[in-house]
Amino acid sequence: MAQRLHLVFGGELVDPSTNVFRKVEDIHVVGIFPDYASAFKAWKGEAQRTVDNAHMRYFIAHLHRLRDEESQVSATEELGN
């Protein structure tokens, strides 16, 4: 069975209507979670903690989608060649 890992991260955005971080080096990595439910719980906690700052945003990245185990070479591996 394939793992379905999720990364929760966030930080301050340049403009709340975009997804451009003000300082990439200040991105807060909350963690990597084994399922969407636990990632959502972590995301919700951070989002609620920073609700007073309209420029703060947290995201859930579906790490398991970066690699397609069924194909010989994934799209991410092709970028390095």
Protein backbone atom coordinates (compact mmCIF):
# COMPACT_ATOMS: atom_id res chain seq x y z
CA MET A 1 0.00 0.00 0.00
CA ALA A 2 1.38 3.40 -1.00
CA GLN A 3 1.81 6.08 1.62
CA ARG A 4 -0.17 9.26 1.05
CA LEU A 5 2.09 11.83 2.66
CA HIS A 6 1.02 15.45 3.11
CA LEU A 7 3.18 18.50 3.87
CA VAL A 8 1.73 21.40 5.85
CA PHE A 9 3.53 24.72 5.48
CA GLY A 10 2.82 28.42 5.44
CA GLY A 11 4.01 31.94 5.87
CA GLU A 12 3.37 35.57 5.21
CA LEU A 13 2.25 36.49 1.70
CA VAL A 14 3.14 39.64 -0.24
CA ASP A 15 -0.56 40.14 -1.02
CA PRO A 16 -3.44 38.10 0.45
CA SER A 17 -4.93 37.67 -3.04
CA THR A 18 -1.84 35.76 -4.28
CA ASN A 19 0.24 32.77 -3.20
CA VAL A 20 3.59 34.59 -3.27
CA PHE A 21 5.52 34.43 0.01
CA ARG A 22 7.07 37.63 1.35
CA LYS A 23 10.26 35.80 2.48
CA VAL A 24 10.77 32.23 1.33
CA GLU A 25 13.42 31.69 4.01
CA ASP A 26 10.75 32.39 6.67
CA ILE A 27 8.32 29.70 5.48
CA HIS A 28 7.07 27.73 8.47
CA VAL A 29 7.15 23.97 7.86
CA VAL A 30 4.60 22.49 10.24
CA GLY A 31 5.39 18.90 9.28
CA ILE A 32 4.75 15.87 7.10
CA PHE A 33 1.68 13.82 7.92
CA PRO A 34 0.69 10.25 6.98
CA ASP A 35 -2.86 11.08 5.92
CA TYR A 36 -5.05 14.00 4.91
CA ALA A 37 -7.05 14.01 8.14
CA SER A 38 -4.01 14.61 10.34
CA ALA A 39 -2.61 17.15 7.87
CA PHE A 40 -5.93 19.00 7.86
CA LYS A 41 -5.97 19.08 11.66
CA ALA A 42 -2.45 20.59 11.72
CA TRP A 43 -3.34 23.06 8.94
CA LYS A 44 -6.50 24.16 10.75
CA GLY A 45 -4.59 24.71 14.00
CA GLU A 46 -2.01 26.94 12.31
CA ALA A 47 -4.65 28.79 10.29
CA GLN A 48 -6.67 29.52 13.43
CA ARG A 49 -3.55 30.55 15.36
CA THR A 50 -2.71 33.18 12.71
CA VAL A 51 -6.26 34.28 11.85
CA ASP A 52 -5.61 37.89 12.92
CA ASN A 53 -2.94 38.33 10.22
CA ALA A 54 -4.64 38.51 6.80
CA HIS A 55 -1.27 37.99 5.07
CA MET A 56 -0.58 34.62 6.73
CA ARG A 57 -1.58 31.49 4.80
CA TYR A 58 -1.03 27.80 5.40
CA PHE A 59 -1.23 25.12 2.73
CA ILE A 60 -1.44 21.34 2.44
CA ALA A 61 0.78 19.85 -0.27
CA HIS A 62 -0.06 16.33 -1.41
CA LEU A 63 3.44 14.85 -1.53
CA HIS A 64 2.16 11.49 -2.76
CA ARG A 65 1.04 13.18 -5.99
CA LEU A 66 4.61 14.21 -6.84
CA ARG A 67 5.57 10.64 -7.64
CA ASP A 68 3.54 8.27 -9.77
CA GLU A 69 4.64 4.81 -8.68
CA GLU A 70 2.89 3.18 -11.64
CA SER A 71 5.03 4.82 -14.33
CA GLN A 72 8.67 4.02 -15.07
CA VAL A 73 9.79 7.62 -14.65
CA SER A 74 7.80 10.28 -12.86
CA ALA A 75 7.51 13.83 -14.16
CA THR A 76 9.69 15.09 -11.29
CA GLU A 77 12.52 12.71 -12.25
CA GLU A 78 12.34 13.89 -15.86
CA LEU A 79 13.11 17.46 -14.78
CA GLY A 80 16.59 16.43 -13.64
CA ASN A 81 17.61 14.87 -16.97
